[in-house]
PDB file of N, CA and C in Angstrom:
ATOM      1  N   MET A   1       0.853  -1.165   0.000  1.00  0.00           N
ATOM      2  CA  MET A   1       0.000   0.000   0.000  1.00  0.00           C
ATOM      3  C   MET A   1       0.899   1.229   0.000  1.00  0.00           C
ATOM      4  N   ALA A   2       0.472   2.274  -0.687  1.00  0.00           N
ATOM      5  CA  ALA A   2       1.203   3.527  -0.746  1.00  0.00           C
ATOM      6  C   ALA A   2       0.201   4.672  -0.656  1.00  0.00           C
ATOM      7  N   GLU A   3       0.666   5.802  -0.213  1.00  0.00           N
ATOM      8  CA  GLU A   3      -0.173   6.997  -0.171  1.00  0.00           C
ATOM      9  C   GLU A   3       0.530   8.135  -0.869  1.00  0.00           C
ATOM     10  N   LYS A   4      -0.242   8.913  -1.610  1.00  0.00           N
ATOM     11  CA  LYS A   4       0.262  10.104  -2.282  1.00  0.00           C
ATOM     12  C   LYS A   4      -0.864  11.121  -2.301  1.00  0.00           C
ATOM     13  N   ASP A   5      -0.571  12.314  -1.825  1.00  0.00           N
ATOM     14  CA  ASP A   5      -1.584  13.378  -1.784  1.00  0.00           C
ATOM     15  C   ASP A   5      -2.866  12.902  -1.110  1.00  0.00           C
ATOM     16  N   SER A   6      -2.713  12.207   0.004  1.00  0.00           N
ATOM     17  CA  SER A   6      -3.816  11.678   0.812  1.00  0.00           C
ATOM     18  C   SER A   6      -4.661  10.623   0.104  1.00  0.00           C
ATOM     19  N   GLU A   7      -4.168  10.087  -1.003  1.00  0.00           N
ATOM     20  CA  GLU A   7      -4.862   9.006  -1.700  1.00  0.00           C
ATOM     21  C   GLU A   7      -4.117   7.700  -1.464  1.00  0.00           C
ATOM     22  N   THR A   8      -4.861   6.610  -1.300  1.00  0.00           N
ATOM     23  CA  THR A   8      -4.280   5.293  -1.087  1.00  0.00           C
ATOM     24  C   THR A   8      -4.230   4.528  -2.402  1.00  0.00           C
ATOM     25  N   PHE A   9      -3.094   3.873  -2.628  1.00  0.00           N
ATOM     26  CA  PHE A   9      -2.892   3.034  -3.802  1.00  0.00           C
ATOM     27  C   PHE A   9      -2.352   1.692  -3.349  1.00  0.00           C
ATOM     28  N   TYR A  10      -2.640   0.656  -4.107  1.00  0.00           N
ATOM     29  CA  TYR A  10      -2.098  -0.673  -3.855  1.00  0.00           C
ATOM     30  C   TYR A  10      -1.132  -0.998  -4.980  1.00  0.00           C
ATOM     31  N   ILE A  11       0.073  -1.396  -4.628  1.00  0.00           N
ATOM     32  CA  ILE A  11       1.094  -1.696  -5.623  1.00  0.00           C
ATOM     33  C   ILE A  11       1.396  -3.192  -5.566  1.00  0.00           C
ATOM     34  N   VAL A  12       1.187  -3.852  -6.697  1.00  0.00           N
ATOM     35  CA  VAL A  12       1.360  -5.298  -6.780  1.00  0.00           C
ATOM     36  C   VAL A  12       2.631  -5.609  -7.575  1.00  0.00           C
ATOM     37  N   PRO A  13       3.608  -6.278  -6.934  1.00  0.00           N
ATOM     38  CA  PRO A  13       4.815  -6.684  -7.663  1.00  0.00           C
ATOM     39  C   PRO A  13       4.534  -7.941  -8.484  1.00  0.00           C
ATOM     40  N   MET A  14       5.201  -8.044  -9.621  1.00  0.00           N
ATOM     41  CA  MET A  14       4.978  -9.193 -10.498  1.00  0.00           C
ATOM     42  C   MET A  14       6.306  -9.705 -11.050  1.00  0.00           C
ATOM     43  N   ARG A  15       6.357 -10.993 -11.307  1.00  0.00           N
ATOM     44  CA  ARG A  15       7.533 -11.603 -11.932  1.00  0.00           C
ATOM     45  C   ARG A  15       7.038 -12.728 -12.827  1.00  0.00           C
ATOM     46  N   GLY A  16       7.620 -12.798 -14.029  1.00  0.00           N
ATOM     47  CA  GLY A  16       7.213 -13.827 -14.968  1.00  0.00           C
ATOM     48  C   GLY A  16       8.344 -14.206 -15.902  1.00  0.00           C
ATOM     49  N   LYS A  17       7.983 -14.831 -17.007  1.00  0.00           N
ATOM     50  CA  LYS A  17       8.961 -15.350 -17.955  1.00  0.00           C
ATOM     51  C   LYS A  17       8.704 -14.789 -19.343  1.00  0.00           C
ATOM     52  N   GLY A  18       9.734 -14.196 -19.930  1.00  0.00           N
ATOM     53  CA  GLY A  18       9.664 -13.706 -21.298  1.00  0.00           C
ATOM     54  C   GLY A  18      10.274 -14.721 -22.253  1.00  0.00           C
ATOM     55  N   LEU A  19      10.657 -14.269 -23.435  1.00  0.00           N
ATOM     56  CA  LEU A  19      11.259 -15.160 -24.423  1.00  0.00           C
ATOM     57  C   LEU A  19      12.651 -15.610 -24.002  1.00  0.00           C
ATOM     58  N   TRP A  20      13.488 -14.672 -23.572  1.00  0.00           N
ATOM     59  CA  TRP A  20      14.890 -14.974 -23.288  1.00  0.00           C
ATOM     60  C   TRP A  20      15.237 -14.956 -21.810  1.00  0.00           C
ATOM     61  N   GLY A  21      14.280 -14.701 -20.961  1.00  0.00           N
ATOM     62  CA  GLY A  21      14.578 -14.645 -19.533  1.00  0.00           C
ATOM     63  C   GLY A  21      13.446 -14.017 -18.760  1.00  0.00           C
ATOM     64  N   PRO A  22      13.725 -13.625 -17.516  1.00  0.00           N
ATOM     65  CA  PRO A  22      12.672 -13.083 -16.667  1.00  0.00           C
ATOM     66  C   PRO A  22      12.156 -11.724 -17.131  1.00  0.00           C
ATOM     67  N   VAL A  23      10.877 -11.513 -16.886  1.00  0.00           N
ATOM     68  CA  VAL A  23      10.240 -10.199 -17.015  1.00  0.00           C
ATOM     69  C   VAL A  23       9.605  -9.902 -15.663  1.00  0.00           C
ATOM     70  N   TRP A  24       9.460  -8.624 -15.347  1.00  0.00           N
ATOM     71  CA  TRP A  24       8.876  -8.256 -14.065  1.00  0.00           C
ATOM     72  C   TRP A  24       8.213  -6.897 -14.194  1.00  0.00           C
ATOM     73  N   GLY A  25       7.483  -6.526 -13.162  1.00  0.00           N
ATOM     74  CA  GLY A  25       6.825  -5.223 -13.192  1.00  0.00           C
ATOM     75  C   GLY A  25       6.031  -4.967 -11.934  1.00  0.00           C
ATOM     76  N   PHE A  26       5.341  -3.853 -11.968  1.00  0.00           N
ATOM     77  CA  PHE A  26       4.462  -3.431 -10.885  1.00  0.00           C
ATOM     78  C   PHE A  26       3.181  -2.887 -11.498  1.00  0.00           C
ATOM     79  N   VAL A  27       2.060  -3.194 -10.870  1.00  0.00           N
ATOM     80  CA  VAL A  27       0.775  -2.599 -11.232  1.00  0.00           C
ATOM     81  C   VAL A  27       0.281  -1.841 -10.005  1.00  0.00           C
ATOM     82  N   ALA A  28      -0.056  -0.580 -10.195  1.00  0.00           N
ATOM     83  CA  ALA A  28      -0.609   0.235  -9.115  1.00  0.00           C
ATOM     84  C   ALA A  28      -2.115   0.343  -9.319  1.00  0.00           C
ATOM     85  N   LEU A  29      -2.858   0.068  -8.241  1.00  0.00           N
ATOM     86  CA  LEU A  29      -4.320   0.098  -8.290  1.00  0.00           C
ATOM     87  C   LEU A  29      -4.850   1.223  -7.418  1.00  0.00           C
ATOM     88  N   GLU A  30      -5.961   1.804  -7.828  1.00  0.00           N
ATOM     89  CA  GLU A  30      -6.636   2.815  -7.021  1.00  0.00           C
ATOM     90  C   GLU A  30      -7.115   2.192  -5.721  1.00  0.00           C
ATOM     91  N   SER A  31      -7.619   3.001  -4.828  1.00  0.00           N
ATOM     92  CA  SER A  31      -8.073   2.518  -3.524  1.00  0.00           C
ATOM     93  C   SER A  31      -9.212   1.513  -3.633  1.00  0.00           C
ATOM     94  N   ASP A  32      -9.880   1.439  -4.790  1.00  0.00           N
ATOM     95  CA  ASP A  32     -10.934   0.428  -4.973  1.00  0.00           C
ATOM     96  C   ASP A  32     -10.360  -0.971  -5.183  1.00  0.00           C
ATOM     97  N   GLY A  33      -9.021  -1.078  -5.346  1.00  0.00           N
ATOM     98  CA  GLY A  33      -8.390  -2.376  -5.552  1.00  0.00           C
ATOM     99  C   GLY A  33      -8.721  -3.004  -6.893  1.00  0.00           C
ATOM    100  N   ASN A  34      -9.256  -2.227  -7.808  1.00  0.00           N
ATOM    101  CA  ASN A  34      -9.706  -2.763  -9.085  1.00  0.00           C
ATOM    102  C   ASN A  34      -9.192  -1.972 -10.285  1.00  0.00           C
ATOM    103  N   THR A  35      -9.150  -0.668 -10.183  1.00  0.00           N
ATOM    104  CA  THR A  35      -8.813   0.191 -11.307  1.00  0.00           C
ATOM    105  C   THR A  35      -7.316   0.495 -11.332  1.00  0.00           C
ATOM    106  N   VAL A  36      -6.694   0.264 -12.470  1.00  0.00           N
ATOM    107  CA  VAL A  36      -5.257   0.476 -12.614  1.00  0.00           C
ATOM    108  C   VAL A  36      -4.954   1.968 -12.733  1.00  0.00           C
ATOM    109  N   VAL A  37      -3.990   2.403 -11.927  1.00  0.00           N
ATOM    110  CA  VAL A  37      -3.473   3.774 -11.998  1.00  0.00           C
ATOM    111  C   VAL A  37      -2.310   3.821 -12.978  1.00  0.00           C
ATOM    112  N   GLY A  38      -1.478   2.788 -12.929  1.00  0.00           N
ATOM    113  CA  GLY A  38      -0.326   2.724 -13.813  1.00  0.00           C
ATOM    114  C   GLY A  38       0.335   1.369 -13.728  1.00  0.00           C
ATOM    115  N   ALA A  39       1.216   1.116 -14.674  1.00  0.00           N
ATOM    116  CA  ALA A  39       1.961  -0.141 -14.702  1.00  0.00           C
ATOM    117  C   ALA A  39       3.338   0.131 -15.276  1.00  0.00           C
ATOM    118  N   THR A  40       4.290  -0.626 -14.820  1.00  0.00           N
ATOM    119  CA  THR A  40       5.641  -0.540 -15.353  1.00  0.00           C
ATOM    120  C   THR A  40       6.200  -1.952 -15.475  1.00  0.00           C
ATOM    121  N   PHE A  41       7.002  -2.174 -16.496  1.00  0.00           N
ATOM    122  CA  PHE A  41       7.555  -3.492 -16.765  1.00  0.00           C
ATOM    123  C   PHE A  41       9.022  -3.362 -17.125  1.00  0.00           C
ATOM    124  N   ASP A  42       9.763  -4.444 -16.909  1.00  0.00           N
ATOM    125  CA  ASP A  42      11.163  -4.483 -17.311  1.00  0.00           C
ATOM    126  C   ASP A  42      11.529  -5.930 -17.623  1.00  0.00           C
ATOM    127  N   HIS A  43      12.742  -6.132 -18.076  1.00  0.00           N
ATOM    128  CA  HIS A  43      13.164  -7.461 -18.519  1.00  0.00           C
ATOM    129  C   HIS A  43      14.670  -7.595 -18.368  1.00  0.00           C
ATOM    130  N   LYS A  44      15.125  -8.833 -18.432  1.00  0.00           N
ATOM    131  CA  LYS A  44      16.566  -9.090 -18.377  1.00  0.00           C
ATOM    132  C   LYS A  44      17.178  -9.084 -19.767  1.00  0.00           C
ATOM    133  N   SER A  45      16.506  -9.711 -20.739  1.00  0.00           N
ATOM    134  CA  SER A  45      17.183  -9.889 -22.028  1.00  0.00           C
ATOM    135  C   SER A  45      16.233 -10.071 -23.214  1.00  0.00           C
ATOM    136  N   GLU A  46      15.112  -9.363 -23.220  1.00  0.00           N
ATOM    137  CA  GLU A  46      14.201  -9.479 -24.363  1.00  0.00           C
ATOM    138  C   GLU A  46      14.805  -8.771 -25.585  1.00  0.00           C
ATOM    139  N   THR A  47      14.339  -9.108 -26.755  1.00  0.00           N
ATOM    140  CA  THR A  47      14.892  -8.604 -28.000  1.00  0.00           C
ATOM    141  C   THR A  47      14.598  -7.118 -28.184  1.00  0.00           C
ATOM    142  N   PRO A  48      15.642  -6.292 -28.376  1.00  0.00           N
ATOM    143  CA  PRO A  48      15.425  -4.859 -28.629  1.00  0.00           C
ATOM    144  C   PRO A  48      14.514  -4.660 -29.844  1.00  0.00           C
ATOM    145  N   GLY A  49      13.590  -3.721 -29.722  1.00  0.00           N
ATOM    146  CA  GLY A  49      12.668  -3.429 -30.812  1.00  0.00           C
ATOM    147  C   GLY A  49      11.498  -4.386 -30.901  1.00  0.00           C
ATOM    148  N   LEU A  50      11.530  -5.466 -30.137  1.00  0.00           N
ATOM    149  CA  LEU A  50      10.421  -6.423 -30.127  1.00  0.00           C
ATOM    150  C   LEU A  50       9.936  -6.573 -28.689  1.00  0.00           C
ATOM    151  N   GLY A  51      10.233  -7.684 -28.032  1.00  0.00           N
ATOM    152  CA  GLY A  51       9.765  -7.914 -26.677  1.00  0.00           C
ATOM    153  C   GLY A  51      10.208  -6.849 -25.683  1.00  0.00           C
ATOM    154  N   ALA A  52      11.365  -6.247 -25.917  1.00  0.00           N
ATOM    155  CA  ALA A  52      11.861  -5.201 -25.014  1.00  0.00           C
ATOM    156  C   ALA A  52      10.946  -3.977 -24.987  1.00  0.00           C
ATOM    157  N   GLU A  53      10.029  -3.890 -25.923  1.00  0.00           N
ATOM    158  CA  GLU A  53       9.096  -2.754 -25.985  1.00  0.00           C
ATOM    159  C   GLU A  53       8.123  -2.726 -24.807  1.00  0.00           C
ATOM    160  N   ILE A  54       8.090  -3.784 -23.975  1.00  0.00           N
ATOM    161  CA  ILE A  54       7.216  -3.763 -22.796  1.00  0.00           C
ATOM    162  C   ILE A  54       7.599  -2.646 -21.828  1.00  0.00           C
ATOM    163  N   THR A  55       8.793  -2.089 -21.976  1.00  0.00           N
ATOM    164  CA  THR A  55       9.251  -1.016 -21.083  1.00  0.00           C
ATOM    165  C   THR A  55       8.845   0.369 -21.579  1.00  0.00           C
ATOM    166  N   THR A  56       8.289   0.468 -22.765  1.00  0.00           N
ATOM    167  CA  THR A  56       8.028   1.770 -23.386  1.00  0.00           C
ATOM    168  C   THR A  56       6.620   2.286 -23.083  1.00  0.00           C
ATOM    169  N   PRO A  57       6.446   3.609 -23.163  1.00  0.00           N
ATOM    170  CA  PRO A  57       5.106   4.178 -22.969  1.00  0.00           C
ATOM    171  C   PRO A  57       4.075   3.639 -23.955  1.00  0.00           C
ATOM    172  N   MET A  58       4.509   3.246 -25.155  1.00  0.00           N
ATOM    173  CA  MET A  58       3.566   2.680 -26.124  1.00  0.00           C
ATOM    174  C   MET A  58       2.810   1.503 -25.514  1.00  0.00           C
ATOM    175  N   PHE A  59       3.482   0.725 -24.675  1.00  0.00           N
ATOM    176  CA  PHE A  59       2.853  -0.414 -24.019  1.00  0.00           C
ATOM    177  C   PHE A  59       2.255  -0.021 -22.671  1.00  0.00           C
ATOM    178  N   THR A  60       3.033   0.593 -21.812  1.00  0.00           N
ATOM    179  CA  THR A  60       2.588   0.869 -20.438  1.00  0.00           C
ATOM    180  C   THR A  60       1.464   1.898 -20.358  1.00  0.00           C
ATOM    181  N   ASP A  61       1.406   2.825 -21.304  1.00  0.00           N
ATOM    182  CA  ASP A  61       0.355   3.852 -21.267  1.00  0.00           C
ATOM    183  C   ASP A  61      -1.047   3.297 -21.534  1.00  0.00           C
ATOM    184  N   GLN A  62      -1.144   2.038 -21.922  1.00  0.00           N
ATOM    185  CA  GLN A  62      -2.453   1.411 -22.156  1.00  0.00           C
ATOM    186  C   GLN A  62      -3.132   0.969 -20.859  1.00  0.00           C
ATOM    187  N   PHE A  63      -2.378   0.870 -19.765  1.00  0.00           N
ATOM    188  CA  PHE A  63      -2.899   0.264 -18.544  1.00  0.00           C
ATOM    189  C   PHE A  63      -3.764   1.163 -17.664  1.00  0.00           C
ATOM    190  N   PRO A  64      -3.465   2.458 -17.515  1.00  0.00           N
ATOM    191  CA  PRO A  64      -4.328   3.276 -16.643  1.00  0.00           C
ATOM    192  C   PRO A  64      -5.791   3.220 -17.069  1.00  0.00           C
ATOM    193  N   GLY A  65      -6.650   2.999 -16.076  1.00  0.00           N
ATOM    194  CA  GLY A  65      -8.084   2.895 -16.328  1.00  0.00           C
ATOM    195  C   GLY A  65      -8.569   1.477 -16.564  1.00  0.00           C
ATOM    196  N   LYS A  66      -7.665   0.533 -16.846  1.00  0.00           N
ATOM    197  CA  LYS A  66      -8.071  -0.865 -17.013  1.00  0.00           C
ATOM    198  C   LYS A  66      -8.458  -1.426 -15.652  1.00  0.00           C
ATOM    199  N   MET A  67      -9.131  -2.547 -15.643  1.00  0.00           N
ATOM    200  CA  MET A  67      -9.615  -3.146 -14.396  1.00  0.00           C
ATOM    201  C   MET A  67      -9.178  -4.596 -14.297  1.00  0.00           C
ATOM    202  N   ILE A  68      -9.117  -5.094 -13.050  1.00  0.00           N
ATOM    203  CA  ILE A  68      -8.681  -6.475 -12.847  1.00  0.00           C
ATOM    204  C   ILE A  68      -9.806  -7.396 -12.401  1.00  0.00           C
ATOM    205  N   SER A  69     -10.983  -6.842 -12.115  1.00  0.00           N
ATOM    206  CA  SER A  69     -12.108  -7.699 -11.740  1.00  0.00           C
ATOM    207  C   SER A  69     -13.403  -7.106 -12.276  1.00  0.00           C
ATOM    208  N   GLU A  70     -14.398  -7.973 -12.350  1.00  0.00           N
ATOM    209  CA  GLU A  70     -15.718  -7.560 -12.835  1.00  0.00           C
ATOM    210  C   GLU A  70     -16.755  -8.167 -11.902  1.00  0.00           C
ATOM    211  N   ALA A  71     -17.628  -7.330 -11.371  1.00  0.00           N
ATOM    212  CA  ALA A  71     -18.678  -7.775 -10.446  1.00  0.00           C
ATOM    213  C   ALA A  71     -18.089  -8.583  -9.287  1.00  0.00           C
ATOM    214  N   GLY A  72     -16.928  -8.148  -8.801  1.00  0.00           N
ATOM    215  CA  GLY A  72     -16.303  -8.794  -7.655  1.00  0.00           C
ATOM    216  C   GLY A  72     -15.526 -10.059  -7.958  1.00  0.00           C
ATOM    217  N   GLU A  73     -15.467 -10.461  -9.224  1.00  0.00           N
ATOM    218  CA  GLU A  73     -14.732 -11.668  -9.612  1.00  0.00           C
ATOM    219  C   GLU A  73     -13.491 -11.291 -10.412  1.00  0.00           C
ATOM    220  N   PHE A  74     -12.369 -11.933 -10.096  1.00  0.00           N
ATOM    221  CA  PHE A  74     -11.114 -11.666 -10.775  1.00  0.00           C
ATOM    222  C   PHE A  74     -11.230 -11.935 -12.260  1.00  0.00           C
ATOM    223  N   LYS A  75     -10.787 -10.981 -13.067  1.00  0.00           N
ATOM    224  CA  LYS A  75     -10.828 -11.135 -14.515  1.00  0.00           C
ATOM    225  C   LYS A  75      -9.455 -10.907 -15.142  1.00  0.00           C
ATOM    226  N   SER A  76      -8.627 -10.077 -14.542  1.00  0.00           N
ATOM    227  CA  SER A  76      -7.294  -9.728 -15.015  1.00  0.00           C
ATOM    228  C   SER A  76      -7.363  -8.826 -16.245  1.00  0.00           C
ATOM    229  N   ILE A  77      -6.204  -8.519 -16.749  1.00  0.00           N
ATOM    230  CA  ILE A  77      -6.046  -7.731 -17.973  1.00  0.00           C
ATOM    231  C   ILE A  77      -5.368  -8.656 -18.974  1.00  0.00           C
ATOM    232  N   SER A  78      -5.945  -8.794 -20.139  1.00  0.00           N
ATOM    233  CA  SER A  78      -5.369  -9.665 -21.168  1.00  0.00           C
ATOM    234  C   SER A  78      -4.493  -8.854 -22.107  1.00  0.00           C
ATOM    235  N   VAL A  79      -3.364  -9.422 -22.464  1.00  0.00           N
ATOM    236  CA  VAL A  79      -2.501  -8.846 -23.493  1.00  0.00           C
ATOM    237  C   VAL A  79      -2.861  -9.583 -24.779  1.00  0.00           C
ATOM    238  N   VAL A  80      -3.460  -8.859 -25.724  1.00  0.00           N
ATOM    239  CA  VAL A  80      -4.008  -9.482 -26.931  1.00  0.00           C
ATOM    240  C   VAL A  80      -3.222  -9.037 -28.170  1.00  0.00           C
ATOM    241  N   LYS A  81      -3.509  -9.655 -29.282  1.00  0.00           N
ATOM    242  CA  LYS A  81      -2.841  -9.318 -30.541  1.00  0.00           C
ATOM    243  C   LYS A  81      -2.906  -7.813 -30.781  1.00  0.00           C
ATOM    244  N   ALA A  82      -1.783  -7.244 -31.186  1.00  0.00           N
ATOM    245  CA  ALA A  82      -1.697  -5.802 -31.419  1.00  0.00           C
ATOM    246  C   ALA A  82      -2.814  -5.323 -32.338  1.00  0.00           C
ATOM    247  N   GLY A  83      -3.479  -4.267 -31.908  1.00  0.00           N
ATOM    248  CA  GLY A  83      -4.546  -3.667 -32.701  1.00  0.00           C
ATOM    249  C   GLY A  83      -5.922  -4.249 -32.449  1.00  0.00           C
ATOM    250  N   THR A  84      -6.052  -5.197 -31.505  1.00  0.00           N
ATOM    251  CA  THR A  84      -7.357  -5.821 -31.287  1.00  0.00           C
ATOM    252  C   THR A  84      -7.947  -5.571 -29.907  1.00  0.00           C
ATOM    253  N   SER A  85      -7.251  -4.823 -29.049  1.00  0.00           N
ATOM    254  CA  SER A  85      -7.772  -4.638 -27.691  1.00  0.00           C
ATOM    255  C   SER A  85      -8.965  -3.685 -27.696  1.00  0.00           C
ATOM    256  N   SER A  86      -9.860  -3.919 -26.749  1.00  0.00           N
ATOM    257  CA  SER A  86     -10.982  -3.015 -26.537  1.00  0.00           C
ATOM    258  C   SER A  86     -11.503  -3.246 -25.132  1.00  0.00           C
ATOM    259  N   GLY A  87     -12.175  -2.277 -24.600  1.00  0.00           N
ATOM    260  CA  GLY A  87     -12.797  -2.425 -23.296  1.00  0.00           C
ATOM    261  C   GLY A  87     -11.837  -2.250 -22.136  1.00  0.00           C
ATOM    262  N   ASN A  88     -12.318  -2.601 -20.954  1.00  0.00           N
ATOM    263  CA  ASN A  88     -11.594  -2.368 -19.711  1.00  0.00           C
ATOM    264  C   ASN A  88     -10.633  -3.478 -19.322  1.00  0.00           C
ATOM    265  N   TYR A  89     -10.543  -4.552 -20.099  1.00  0.00           N
ATOM    266  CA  TYR A  89      -9.788  -5.713 -19.658  1.00  0.00           C
ATOM    267  C   TYR A  89      -8.751  -6.201 -20.661  1.00  0.00           C
ATOM    268  N   ALA A  90      -8.345  -5.383 -21.614  1.00  0.00           N
ATOM    269  CA  ALA A  90      -7.363  -5.823 -22.608  1.00  0.00           C
ATOM    270  C   ALA A  90      -6.466  -4.673 -23.041  1.00  0.00           C
ATOM    271  N   VAL A  91      -5.219  -5.022 -23.326  1.00  0.00           N
ATOM    272  CA  VAL A  91      -4.257  -4.087 -23.910  1.00  0.00           C
ATOM    273  C   VAL A  91      -3.634  -4.758 -25.123  1.00  0.00           C
ATOM    274  N   ASP A  92      -3.143  -3.956 -26.057  1.00  0.00           N
ATOM    275  CA  ASP A  92      -2.480  -4.486 -27.238  1.00  0.00           C
ATOM    276  C   ASP A  92      -1.094  -5.000 -26.880  1.00  0.00           C
ATOM    277  N   GLY A  93      -0.792  -6.207 -27.360  1.00  0.00           N
ATOM    278  CA  GLY A  93       0.537  -6.770 -27.184  1.00  0.00           C
ATOM    279  C   GLY A  93       1.526  -6.103 -28.127  1.00  0.00           C
ATOM    280  N   ILE A  94       2.743  -6.563 -28.062  1.00  0.00           N
ATOM    281  CA  ILE A  94       3.819  -6.027 -28.881  1.00  0.00           C
ATOM    282  C   ILE A  94       3.883  -6.808 -30.187  1.00  0.00           C
ATOM    283  N   SER A  95       3.710  -6.117 -31.318  1.00  0.00           N
ATOM    284  CA  SER A  95       3.805  -6.758 -32.618  1.00  0.00           C
ATOM    285  C   SER A  95       5.228  -7.278 -32.798  1.00  0.00           C
ATOM    286  N   GLY A  96       5.371  -8.563 -33.110  1.00  0.00           N
ATOM    287  CA  GLY A  96       6.680  -9.176 -33.255  1.00  0.00           C
ATOM    288  C   GLY A  96       7.257  -9.674 -31.941  1.00  0.00           C
ATOM    289  N   GLY A  97       6.583  -9.371 -30.839  1.00  0.00           N
ATOM    290  CA  GLY A  97       7.034  -9.800 -29.515  1.00  0.00           C
ATOM    291  C   GLY A  97       5.996 -10.690 -28.859  1.00  0.00           C
ATOM    292  N   THR A  98       5.483 -11.641 -29.612  1.00  0.00           N
ATOM    293  CA  THR A  98       4.376 -12.471 -29.148  1.00  0.00           C
ATOM    294  C   THR A  98       4.700 -13.251 -27.876  1.00  0.00           C
ATOM    295  N   ILE A  99       5.866 -13.864 -27.819  1.00  0.00           N
ATOM    296  CA  ILE A  99       6.187 -14.686 -26.647  1.00  0.00           C
ATOM    297  C   ILE A  99       6.342 -13.808 -25.408  1.00  0.00           C
ATOM    298  N   THR A 100       6.956 -12.647 -25.559  1.00  0.00           N
ATOM    299  CA  THR A 100       7.069 -11.729 -24.425  1.00  0.00           C
ATOM    300  C   THR A 100       5.688 -11.231 -24.021  1.00  0.00           C
ATOM    301  N   SER A 101       4.842 -10.876 -24.978  1.00  0.00           N
ATOM    302  CA  SER A 101       3.473 -10.436 -24.676  1.00  0.00           C
ATOM    303  C   SER A 101       2.710 -11.531 -23.938  1.00  0.00           C
ATOM    304  N   ASN A 102       2.859 -12.778 -24.391  1.00  0.00           N
ATOM    305  CA  ASN A 102       2.210 -13.895 -23.704  1.00  0.00           C
ATOM    306  C   ASN A 102       2.750 -14.050 -22.289  1.00  0.00           C
ATOM    307  N   GLY A 103       4.052 -13.835 -22.119  1.00  0.00           N
ATOM    308  CA  GLY A 103       4.653 -13.913 -20.794  1.00  0.00           C
ATOM    309  C   GLY A 103       4.115 -12.848 -19.858  1.00  0.00           C
ATOM    310  N   VAL A 104       3.934 -11.628 -20.370  1.00  0.00           N
ATOM    311  CA  VAL A 104       3.352 -10.556 -19.559  1.00  0.00           C
ATOM    312  C   VAL A 104       1.902 -10.892 -19.227  1.00  0.00           C
ATOM    313  N   ASN A 105       1.164 -11.421 -20.185  1.00  0.00           N
ATOM    314  CA  ASN A 105      -0.216 -11.824 -19.939  1.00  0.00           C
ATOM    315  C   ASN A 105      -0.276 -12.847 -18.805  1.00  0.00           C
ATOM    316  N   ASP A 106       0.542 -13.879 -18.892  1.00  0.00           N
ATOM    317  CA  ASP A 106       0.564 -14.914 -17.859  1.00  0.00           C
ATOM    318  C   ASP A 106       0.977 -14.331 -16.510  1.00  0.00           C
ATOM    319  N   MET A 107       1.950 -13.421 -16.527  1.00  0.00           N
ATOM    320  CA  MET A 107       2.415 -12.784 -15.299  1.00  0.00           C
ATOM    321  C   MET A 107       1.283 -11.992 -14.646  1.00  0.00           C
ATOM    322  N   LEU A 108       0.519 -11.263 -15.436  1.00  0.00           N
ATOM    323  CA  LEU A 108      -0.607 -10.501 -14.893  1.00  0.00           C
ATOM    324  C   LEU A 108      -1.607 -11.433 -14.208  1.00  0.00           C
ATOM    325  N   VAL A 109      -1.963 -12.509 -14.877  1.00  0.00           N
ATOM    326  CA  VAL A 109      -2.921 -13.461 -14.313  1.00  0.00           C
ATOM    327  C   VAL A 109      -2.356 -14.093 -13.042  1.00  0.00           C
ATOM    328  N   ASP A 110      -1.151 -14.628 -13.138  1.00  0.00           N
ATOM    329  CA  ASP A 110      -0.552 -15.359 -12.015  1.00  0.00           C
ATOM    330  C   ASP A 110      -0.309 -14.472 -10.795  1.00  0.00           C
ATOM    331  N   CYS A 111       0.104 -13.244 -11.023  1.00  0.00           N
ATOM    332  CA  CYS A 111       0.494 -12.384  -9.905  1.00  0.00           C
ATOM    333  C   CYS A 111      -0.653 -11.550  -9.346  1.00  0.00           C
ATOM    334  N   LEU A 112      -1.648 -11.228 -10.159  1.00  0.00           N
ATOM    335  CA  LEU A 112      -2.784 -10.448  -9.656  1.00  0.00           C
ATOM    336  C   LEU A 112      -3.845 -11.338  -9.005  1.00  0.00           C
ATOM    337  N   ALA A 113      -3.975 -12.575  -9.470  1.00  0.00           N
ATOM    338  CA  ALA A 113      -5.017 -13.464  -8.949  1.00  0.00           C
ATOM    339  C   ALA A 113      -4.966 -13.659  -7.437  1.00  0.00           C
ATOM    340  N   PRO A 114      -3.787 -13.843  -6.827  1.00  0.00           N
ATOM    341  CA  PRO A 114      -3.771 -14.037  -5.374  1.00  0.00           C
ATOM    342  C   PRO A 114      -4.302 -12.841  -4.578  1.00  0.00           C
ATOM    343  N   TYR A 115      -4.271 -11.678  -5.177  1.00  0.00           N
ATOM    344  CA  TYR A 115      -4.745 -10.481  -4.496  1.00  0.00           C
ATOM    345  C   TYR A 115      -6.265 -10.274  -4.655  1.00  0.00           C
ATOM    346  N   ALA A 116      -6.864 -11.001  -5.562  1.00  0.00           N
ATOM    347  CA  ALA A 116      -8.277 -10.786  -5.896  1.00  0.00           C
ATOM    348  C   ALA A 116      -9.190 -10.866  -4.680  1.00  0.00           C
ATOM    349  N   GLU A 117      -9.008 -11.862  -3.856  1.00  0.00           N
ATOM    350  CA  GLU A 117      -9.870 -12.013  -2.674  1.00  0.00           C
ATOM    351  C   GLU A 117      -9.678 -10.853  -1.710  1.00  0.00           C
ATOM    352  N   TYR A 118      -8.432 -10.458  -1.517  1.00  0.00           N
ATOM    353  CA  TYR A 118      -8.144  -9.322  -0.619  1.00  0.00           C
ATOM    354  C   TYR A 118      -8.816  -8.056  -1.141  1.00  0.00           C
ATOM    355  N   PHE A 119      -8.631  -7.756  -2.421  1.00  0.00           N
ATOM    356  CA  PHE A 119      -9.198  -6.535  -2.993  1.00  0.00           C
ATOM    357  C   PHE A 119     -10.722  -6.563  -3.009  1.00  0.00           C
ATOM    358  N   LYS A 120     -11.300  -7.752  -3.053  1.00  0.00           N
ATOM    359  CA  LYS A 120     -12.758  -7.872  -3.043  1.00  0.00           C
ATOM    360  C   LYS A 120     -13.335  -7.355  -1.725  1.00  0.00           C
ATOM    361  N   ASN A 121     -12.563  -7.420  -0.662  1.00  0.00           N
ATOM    362  CA  ASN A 121     -13.039  -7.048   0.667  1.00  0.00           C
ATOM    363  C   ASN A 121     -12.687  -5.628   1.099  1.00  0.00           C
ATOM    364  N   ILE A 122     -12.141  -4.810   0.203  1.00  0.00           N
ATOM    365  CA  ILE A 122     -11.805  -3.440   0.618  1.00  0.00           C
ATOM    366  C   ILE A 122     -12.886  -2.456   0.213  1.00  0.00           C
TER     367      ILE A 122
END
């Protein structure tokens, strides 16, 4: 949990697997425990210009306003084929970085799911 300007945020650390090694990141949620304020990602050795693009604003700027649950049930955020995302639960993956995008998708599901019950009760 973090506070800024008298507002409470929940910061969830994440770790997963990319194409060439580990990927990791943080998702910050509003005090409702559902709405994303921001996300950041990094990697050890993803391909420059492809999977390494998970660190760029082109990818991370899609996350604010997305949600991780619907009607109190965990739903997560899906990383989908570039150019096909819509709604509150999907972001565009990295074109040419499919395995890294899939790794981030799996990381979001695996790392956010354990918090779902906790956030349901706030």
